[in-house]
Amino acid sequence: MFLQRNVAYQLEEEARKRIEDTKETERKKATEELECWKEQQRQKAEEVSCSSEFCFLYIIQHLFSVQKYQTT
């Protein structure tokens, strides 16, 4: 009977260990996916910022060229 309890305890411990390992693997996977998503959002924000800056510079350049022609 003691042996059966010992075997059952070992099986329970192995099952707990597998569950904890699976949880840890899933946590790591979720963290990696979240970091990847954050990086994509950062890159998108940079692209929008760059295109906004480009548009702003284009408008300023256009305004100066129009102003130059109006003064001459």
PDB file of N, CA and C in Angstrom:
ATOM      1  N   MET A   1       0.813  -1.192   0.000  1.00  0.00           N
ATOM      2  CA  MET A   1       0.000   0.000   0.000  1.00  0.00           C
ATOM      3  C   MET A   1       0.863   1.264   0.000  1.00  0.00           C
ATOM      4  N   PHE A   2       1.932   1.244   0.779  1.00  0.00           N
ATOM      5  CA  PHE A   2       2.866   2.383   0.801  1.00  0.00           C
ATOM      6  C   PHE A   2       3.457   2.609  -0.578  1.00  0.00           C
ATOM      7  N   LEU A   3       3.784   1.514  -1.241  1.00  0.00           N
ATOM      8  CA  LEU A   3       4.359   1.609  -2.591  1.00  0.00           C
ATOM      9  C   LEU A   3       3.360   2.232  -3.567  1.00  0.00           C
ATOM     10  N   GLN A   4       2.099   1.863  -3.462  1.00  0.00           N
ATOM     11  CA  GLN A   4       1.076   2.439  -4.341  1.00  0.00           C
ATOM     12  C   GLN A   4       0.947   3.942  -4.113  1.00  0.00           C
ATOM     13  N   ARG A   5       0.979   4.357  -2.855  1.00  0.00           N
ATOM     14  CA  ARG A   5       0.888   5.786  -2.552  1.00  0.00           C
ATOM     15  C   ARG A   5       2.097   6.531  -3.110  1.00  0.00           C
ATOM     16  N   ASN A   6       3.254   5.904  -2.961  1.00  0.00           N
ATOM     17  CA  ASN A   6       4.482   6.516  -3.456  1.00  0.00           C
ATOM     18  C   ASN A   6       4.434   6.669  -4.983  1.00  0.00           C
ATOM     19  N   VAL A   7       3.966   5.642  -5.663  1.00  0.00           N
ATOM     20  CA  VAL A   7       3.860   5.683  -7.118  1.00  0.00           C
ATOM     21  C   VAL A   7       2.830   6.739  -7.522  1.00  0.00           C
ATOM     22  N   ALA A   8       1.698   6.781  -6.849  1.00  0.00           N
ATOM     23  CA  ALA A   8       0.664   7.772  -7.154  1.00  0.00           C
ATOM     24  C   ALA A   8       1.210   9.182  -6.928  1.00  0.00           C
ATOM     25  N   TYR A   9       1.949   9.374  -5.853  1.00  0.00           N
ATOM     26  CA  TYR A   9       2.550  10.674  -5.563  1.00  0.00           C
ATOM     27  C   TYR A   9       3.525  11.072  -6.663  1.00  0.00           C
ATOM     28  N   GLN A  10       4.346  10.132  -7.111  1.00  0.00           N
ATOM     29  CA  GLN A  10       5.301  10.421  -8.182  1.00  0.00           C
ATOM     30  C   GLN A  10       4.585  10.798  -9.478  1.00  0.00           C
ATOM     31  N   LEU A  11       3.501  10.067  -9.769  1.00  0.00           N
ATOM     32  CA  LEU A  11       2.732  10.379 -10.981  1.00  0.00           C
ATOM     33  C   LEU A  11       2.113  11.772 -10.888  1.00  0.00           C
ATOM     34  N   GLU A  12       1.596  12.117  -9.710  1.00  0.00           N
ATOM     35  CA  GLU A  12       1.028  13.453  -9.518  1.00  0.00           C
ATOM     36  C   GLU A  12       2.102  14.526  -9.673  1.00  0.00           C
ATOM     37  N   GLU A  13       3.261  14.288  -9.122  1.00  0.00           N
ATOM     38  CA  GLU A  13       4.358  15.257  -9.234  1.00  0.00           C
ATOM     39  C   GLU A  13       4.796  15.426 -10.685  1.00  0.00           C
ATOM     40  N   GLU A  14       4.866  14.331 -11.413  1.00  0.00           N
ATOM     41  CA  GLU A  14       5.235  14.416 -12.827  1.00  0.00           C
ATOM     42  C   GLU A  14       4.187  15.197 -13.621  1.00  0.00           C
ATOM     43  N   ALA A  15       2.905  14.960 -13.298  1.00  0.00           N
ATOM     44  CA  ALA A  15       1.834  15.684 -13.977  1.00  0.00           C
ATOM     45  C   ALA A  15       1.924  17.175 -13.641  1.00  0.00           C
ATOM     46  N   ARG A  16       2.164  17.508 -12.387  1.00  0.00           N
ATOM     47  CA  ARG A  16       2.317  18.909 -11.990  1.00  0.00           C
ATOM     48  C   ARG A  16       3.485  19.563 -12.712  1.00  0.00           C
ATOM     49  N   LYS A  17       4.581  18.811 -12.797  1.00  0.00           N
ATOM     50  CA  LYS A  17       5.766  19.331 -13.476  1.00  0.00           C
ATOM     51  C   LYS A  17       5.469  19.604 -14.947  1.00  0.00           C
ATOM     52  N   ARG A  18       4.771  18.685 -15.609  1.00  0.00           N
ATOM     53  CA  ARG A  18       4.410  18.887 -17.025  1.00  0.00           C
ATOM     54  C   ARG A  18       3.513  20.106 -17.181  1.00  0.00           C
ATOM     55  N   ILE A  19       2.562  20.255 -16.264  1.00  0.00           N
ATOM     56  CA  ILE A  19       1.659  21.412 -16.330  1.00  0.00           C
ATOM     57  C   ILE A  19       2.439  22.702 -16.143  1.00  0.00           C
ATOM     58  N   GLU A  20       3.323  22.741 -15.168  1.00  0.00           N
ATOM     59  CA  GLU A  20       4.133  23.943 -14.938  1.00  0.00           C
ATOM     60  C   GLU A  20       5.033  24.245 -16.133  1.00  0.00           C
ATOM     61  N   ASP A  21       5.612  23.214 -16.713  1.00  0.00           N
ATOM     62  CA  ASP A  21       6.456  23.408 -17.897  1.00  0.00           C
ATOM     63  C   ASP A  21       5.632  23.964 -19.067  1.00  0.00           C
ATOM     64  N   THR A  22       4.435  23.427 -19.244  1.00  0.00           N
ATOM     65  CA  THR A  22       3.556  23.903 -20.310  1.00  0.00           C
ATOM     66  C   THR A  22       3.168  25.361 -20.064  1.00  0.00           C
ATOM     67  N   LYS A  23       2.839  25.689 -18.814  1.00  0.00           N
ATOM     68  CA  LYS A  23       2.499  27.077 -18.480  1.00  0.00           C
ATOM     69  C   LYS A  23       3.669  28.007 -18.778  1.00  0.00           C
ATOM     70  N   GLU A  24       4.858  27.607 -18.391  1.00  0.00           N
ATOM     71  CA  GLU A  24       6.042  28.439 -18.619  1.00  0.00           C
ATOM     72  C   GLU A  24       6.303  28.617 -20.111  1.00  0.00           C
ATOM     73  N   THR A  25       6.140  27.559 -20.871  1.00  0.00           N
ATOM     74  CA  THR A  25       6.314  27.640 -22.326  1.00  0.00           C
ATOM     75  C   THR A  25       5.297  28.607 -22.928  1.00  0.00           C
ATOM     76  N   GLU A  26       4.051  28.513 -22.484  1.00  0.00           N
ATOM     77  CA  GLU A  26       3.009  29.405 -22.984  1.00  0.00           C
ATOM     78  C   GLU A  26       3.280  30.849 -22.577  1.00  0.00           C
ATOM     79  N   ARG A  27       3.775  31.059 -21.353  1.00  0.00           N
ATOM     80  CA  ARG A  27       4.119  32.415 -20.912  1.00  0.00           C
ATOM     81  C   ARG A  27       5.205  33.011 -21.791  1.00  0.00           C
ATOM     82  N   LYS A  28       6.230  32.211 -22.066  1.00  0.00           N
ATOM     83  CA  LYS A  28       7.326  32.691 -22.920  1.00  0.00           C
ATOM     84  C   LYS A  28       6.825  33.016 -24.324  1.00  0.00           C
ATOM     85  N   LYS A  29       5.985  32.143 -24.853  1.00  0.00           N
ATOM     86  CA  LYS A  29       5.437  32.358 -26.192  1.00  0.00           C
ATOM     87  C   LYS A  29       4.597  33.643 -26.227  1.00  0.00           C
ATOM     88  N   ALA A  30       3.761  33.841 -25.219  1.00  0.00           N
ATOM     89  CA  ALA A  30       2.928  35.046 -25.158  1.00  0.00           C
ATOM     90  C   ALA A  30       3.794  36.295 -25.033  1.00  0.00           C
ATOM     91  N   THR A  31       4.851  36.209 -24.230  1.00  0.00           N
ATOM     92  CA  THR A  31       5.756  37.354 -24.070  1.00  0.00           C
ATOM     93  C   THR A  31       6.438  37.684 -25.384  1.00  0.00           C
ATOM     94  N   GLU A  32       6.913  36.674 -26.091  1.00  0.00           N
ATOM     95  CA  GLU A  32       7.552  36.896 -27.389  1.00  0.00           C
ATOM     96  C   GLU A  32       6.581  37.520 -28.383  1.00  0.00           C
ATOM     97  N   GLU A  33       5.342  37.021 -28.407  1.00  0.00           N
ATOM     98  CA  GLU A  33       4.348  37.573 -29.322  1.00  0.00           C
ATOM     99  C   GLU A  33       4.028  39.023 -28.970  1.00  0.00           C
ATOM    100  N   LEU A  34       3.936  39.313 -27.674  1.00  0.00           N
ATOM    101  CA  LEU A  34       3.663  40.676 -27.240  1.00  0.00           C
ATOM    102  C   LEU A  34       4.807  41.610 -27.624  1.00  0.00           C
ATOM    103  N   GLU A  35       6.035  41.168 -27.421  1.00  0.00           N
ATOM    104  CA  GLU A  35       7.196  41.985 -27.801  1.00  0.00           C
ATOM    105  C   GLU A  35       7.227  42.222 -29.303  1.00  0.00           C
ATOM    106  N   CYS A  36       6.888  41.210 -30.067  1.00  0.00           N
ATOM    107  CA  CYS A  36       6.840  41.347 -31.531  1.00  0.00           C
ATOM    108  C   CYS A  36       5.766  42.362 -31.917  1.00  0.00           C
ATOM    109  N   TRP A  37       4.600  42.279 -31.291  1.00  0.00           N
ATOM    110  CA  TRP A  37       3.517  43.214 -31.570  1.00  0.00           C
ATOM    111  C   TRP A  37       3.935  44.640 -31.215  1.00  0.00           C
ATOM    112  N   LYS A  38       4.583  44.801 -30.056  1.00  0.00           N
ATOM    113  CA  LYS A  38       5.048  46.127 -29.643  1.00  0.00           C
ATOM    114  C   LYS A  38       6.027  46.700 -30.665  1.00  0.00           C
ATOM    115  N   GLU A  39       6.935  45.870 -31.146  1.00  0.00           N
ATOM    116  CA  GLU A  39       7.918  46.314 -32.143  1.00  0.00           C
ATOM    117  C   GLU A  39       7.220  46.729 -33.433  1.00  0.00           C
ATOM    118  N   GLN A  40       6.218  45.958 -33.857  1.00  0.00           N
ATOM    119  CA  GLN A  40       5.473  46.310 -35.064  1.00  0.00           C
ATOM    120  C   GLN A  40       4.749  47.645 -34.880  1.00  0.00           C
ATOM    121  N   GLN A  41       4.158  47.856 -33.707  1.00  0.00           N
ATOM    122  CA  GLN A  41       3.469  49.116 -33.441  1.00  0.00           C
ATOM    123  C   GLN A  41       4.448  50.288 -33.453  1.00  0.00           C
ATOM    124  N   ARG A  42       5.639  50.066 -32.876  1.00  0.00           N
ATOM    125  CA  ARG A  42       6.660  51.112 -32.867  1.00  0.00           C
ATOM    126  C   ARG A  42       7.081  51.451 -34.290  1.00  0.00           C
ATOM    127  N   GLN A  43       7.289  50.421 -35.115  1.00  0.00           N
ATOM    128  CA  GLN A  43       7.696  50.650 -36.498  1.00  0.00           C
ATOM    129  C   GLN A  43       6.600  51.384 -37.280  1.00  0.00           C
ATOM    130  N   LYS A  44       5.348  51.009 -37.057  1.00  0.00           N
ATOM    131  CA  LYS A  44       4.244  51.694 -37.729  1.00  0.00           C
ATOM    132  C   LYS A  44       4.198  53.159 -37.314  1.00  0.00           C
ATOM    133  N   ALA A  45       4.392  53.407 -36.028  1.00  0.00           N
ATOM    134  CA  ALA A  45       4.373  54.787 -35.531  1.00  0.00           C
ATOM    135  C   ALA A  45       5.506  55.591 -36.159  1.00  0.00           C
ATOM    136  N   GLU A  46       6.676  54.989 -36.310  1.00  0.00           N
ATOM    137  CA  GLU A  46       7.801  55.671 -36.953  1.00  0.00           C
ATOM    138  C   GLU A  46       7.484  55.970 -38.413  1.00  0.00           C
ATOM    139  N   GLU A  47       6.859  55.011 -39.104  1.00  0.00           N
ATOM    140  CA  GLU A  47       6.508  55.229 -40.510  1.00  0.00           C
ATOM    141  C   GLU A  47       5.533  56.390 -40.645  1.00  0.00           C
ATOM    142  N   VAL A  48       4.533  56.432 -39.775  1.00  0.00           N
ATOM    143  CA  VAL A  48       3.554  57.521 -39.818  1.00  0.00           C
ATOM    144  C   VAL A  48       4.244  58.838 -39.518  1.00  0.00           C
ATOM    145  N   SER A  49       5.119  58.821 -38.532  1.00  0.00           N
ATOM    146  CA  SER A  49       5.845  60.035 -38.161  1.00  0.00           C
ATOM    147  C   SER A  49       6.697  60.520 -39.323  1.00  0.00           C
ATOM    148  N   CYS A  50       7.394  59.595 -39.973  1.00  0.00           N
ATOM    149  CA  CYS A  50       8.246  59.965 -41.113  1.00  0.00           C
ATOM    150  C   CYS A  50       7.409  60.507 -42.256  1.00  0.00           C
ATOM    151  N   SER A  51       6.294  59.868 -42.551  1.00  0.00           N
ATOM    152  CA  SER A  51       5.479  60.355 -43.663  1.00  0.00           C
ATOM    153  C   SER A  51       4.853  61.697 -43.304  1.00  0.00           C
ATOM    154  N   SER A  52       4.504  61.910 -42.035  1.00  0.00           N
ATOM    155  CA  SER A  52       3.968  63.211 -41.611  1.00  0.00           C
ATOM    156  C   SER A  52       5.026  64.291 -41.749  1.00  0.00           C
ATOM    157  N   GLU A  53       6.255  63.964 -41.343  1.00  0.00           N
ATOM    158  CA  GLU A  53       7.353  64.920 -41.475  1.00  0.00           C
ATOM    159  C   GLU A  53       7.610  65.233 -42.943  1.00  0.00           C
ATOM    160  N   PHE A  54       7.561  64.222 -43.779  1.00  0.00           N
ATOM    161  CA  PHE A  54       7.771  64.427 -45.207  1.00  0.00           C
ATOM    162  C   PHE A  54       6.692  65.351 -45.776  1.00  0.00           C
ATOM    163  N   CYS A  55       5.443  65.093 -45.401  1.00  0.00           N
ATOM    164  CA  CYS A  55       4.344  65.939 -45.881  1.00  0.00           C
ATOM    165  C   CYS A  55       4.524  67.382 -45.405  1.00  0.00           C
ATOM    166  N   PHE A  56       4.896  67.542 -44.153  1.00  0.00           N
ATOM    167  CA  PHE A  56       5.106  68.872 -43.603  1.00  0.00           C
ATOM    168  C   PHE A  56       6.211  69.592 -44.369  1.00  0.00           C
ATOM    169  N   LEU A  57       7.330  68.909 -44.596  1.00  0.00           N
ATOM    170  CA  LEU A  57       8.436  69.528 -45.324  1.00  0.00           C
ATOM    171  C   LEU A  57       8.039  69.852 -46.760  1.00  0.00           C
ATOM    172  N   TYR A  58       7.266  68.987 -47.383  1.00  0.00           N
ATOM    173  CA  TYR A  58       6.807  69.228 -48.751  1.00  0.00           C
ATOM    174  C   TYR A  58       5.923  70.472 -48.798  1.00  0.00           C
ATOM    175  N   ILE A  59       5.022  70.602 -47.826  1.00  0.00           N
ATOM    176  CA  ILE A  59       4.124  71.772 -47.784  1.00  0.00           C
ATOM    177  C   ILE A  59       4.934  73.043 -47.574  1.00  0.00           C
ATOM    178  N   ILE A  60       5.872  73.011 -46.638  1.00  0.00           N
ATOM    179  CA  ILE A  60       6.705  74.185 -46.385  1.00  0.00           C
ATOM    180  C   ILE A  60       7.483  74.562 -47.638  1.00  0.00           C
ATOM    181  N   GLN A  61       8.072  73.566 -48.288  1.00  0.00           N
ATOM    182  CA  GLN A  61       8.825  73.830 -49.512  1.00  0.00           C
ATOM    183  C   GLN A  61       7.913  74.434 -50.575  1.00  0.00           C
ATOM    184  N   HIS A  62       6.724  73.897 -50.702  1.00  0.00           N
ATOM    185  CA  HIS A  62       5.772  74.410 -51.684  1.00  0.00           C
ATOM    186  C   HIS A  62       5.373  75.846 -51.348  1.00  0.00           C
ATOM    187  N   LEU A  63       5.128  76.123 -50.075  1.00  0.00           N
ATOM    188  CA  LEU A  63       4.753  77.484 -49.666  1.00  0.00           C
ATOM    189  C   LEU A  63       5.869  78.478 -49.975  1.00  0.00           C
ATOM    190  N   PHE A  64       7.107  78.084 -49.710  1.00  0.00           N
ATOM    191  CA  PHE A  64       8.226  78.982 -50.008  1.00  0.00           C
ATOM    192  C   PHE A  64       8.369  79.209 -51.501  1.00  0.00           C
ATOM    193  N   SER A  65       8.161  78.164 -52.295  1.00  0.00           N
ATOM    194  CA  SER A  65       8.271  78.344 -53.737  1.00  0.00           C
ATOM    195  C   SER A  65       7.149  79.223 -54.258  1.00  0.00           C
ATOM    196  N   VAL A  66       5.953  79.089 -53.729  1.00  0.00           N
ATOM    197  CA  VAL A  66       4.833  79.930 -54.144  1.00  0.00           C
ATOM    198  C   VAL A  66       5.105  81.362 -53.713  1.00  0.00           C
ATOM    199  N   GLN A  67       5.574  81.534 -52.507  1.00  0.00           N
ATOM    200  CA  GLN A  67       5.847  82.883 -51.986  1.00  0.00           C
ATOM    201  C   GLN A  67       6.934  83.547 -52.816  1.00  0.00           C
ATOM    202  N   LYS A  68       7.934  82.772 -53.213  1.00  0.00           N
ATOM    203  CA  LYS A  68       9.037  83.302 -54.015  1.00  0.00           C
ATOM    204  C   LYS A  68       8.521  83.831 -55.348  1.00  0.00           C
ATOM    205  N   TYR A  69       7.623  83.100 -55.989  1.00  0.00           N
ATOM    206  CA  TYR A  69       7.079  83.531 -57.264  1.00  0.00           C
ATOM    207  C   TYR A  69       6.149  84.734 -57.101  1.00  0.00           C
ATOM    208  N   GLN A  70       5.487  84.836 -55.975  1.00  0.00           N
ATOM    209  CA  GLN A  70       4.578  85.955 -55.761  1.00  0.00           C
ATOM    210  C   GLN A  70       5.316  87.261 -55.514  1.00  0.00           C
ATOM    211  N   THR A  71       6.501  87.179 -54.917  1.00  0.00           N
ATOM    212  CA  THR A  71       7.268  88.385 -54.609  1.00  0.00           C
ATOM    213  C   THR A  71       8.038  88.878 -55.817  1.00  0.00           C
ATOM    214  N   THR A  72       8.241  88.052 -56.819  1.00  0.00           N
ATOM    215  CA  THR A  72       9.014  88.495 -57.996  1.00  0.00           C
ATOM    216  C   THR A  72       8.133  89.023 -59.087  1.00  0.00           C
TER     217      THR A  72
END
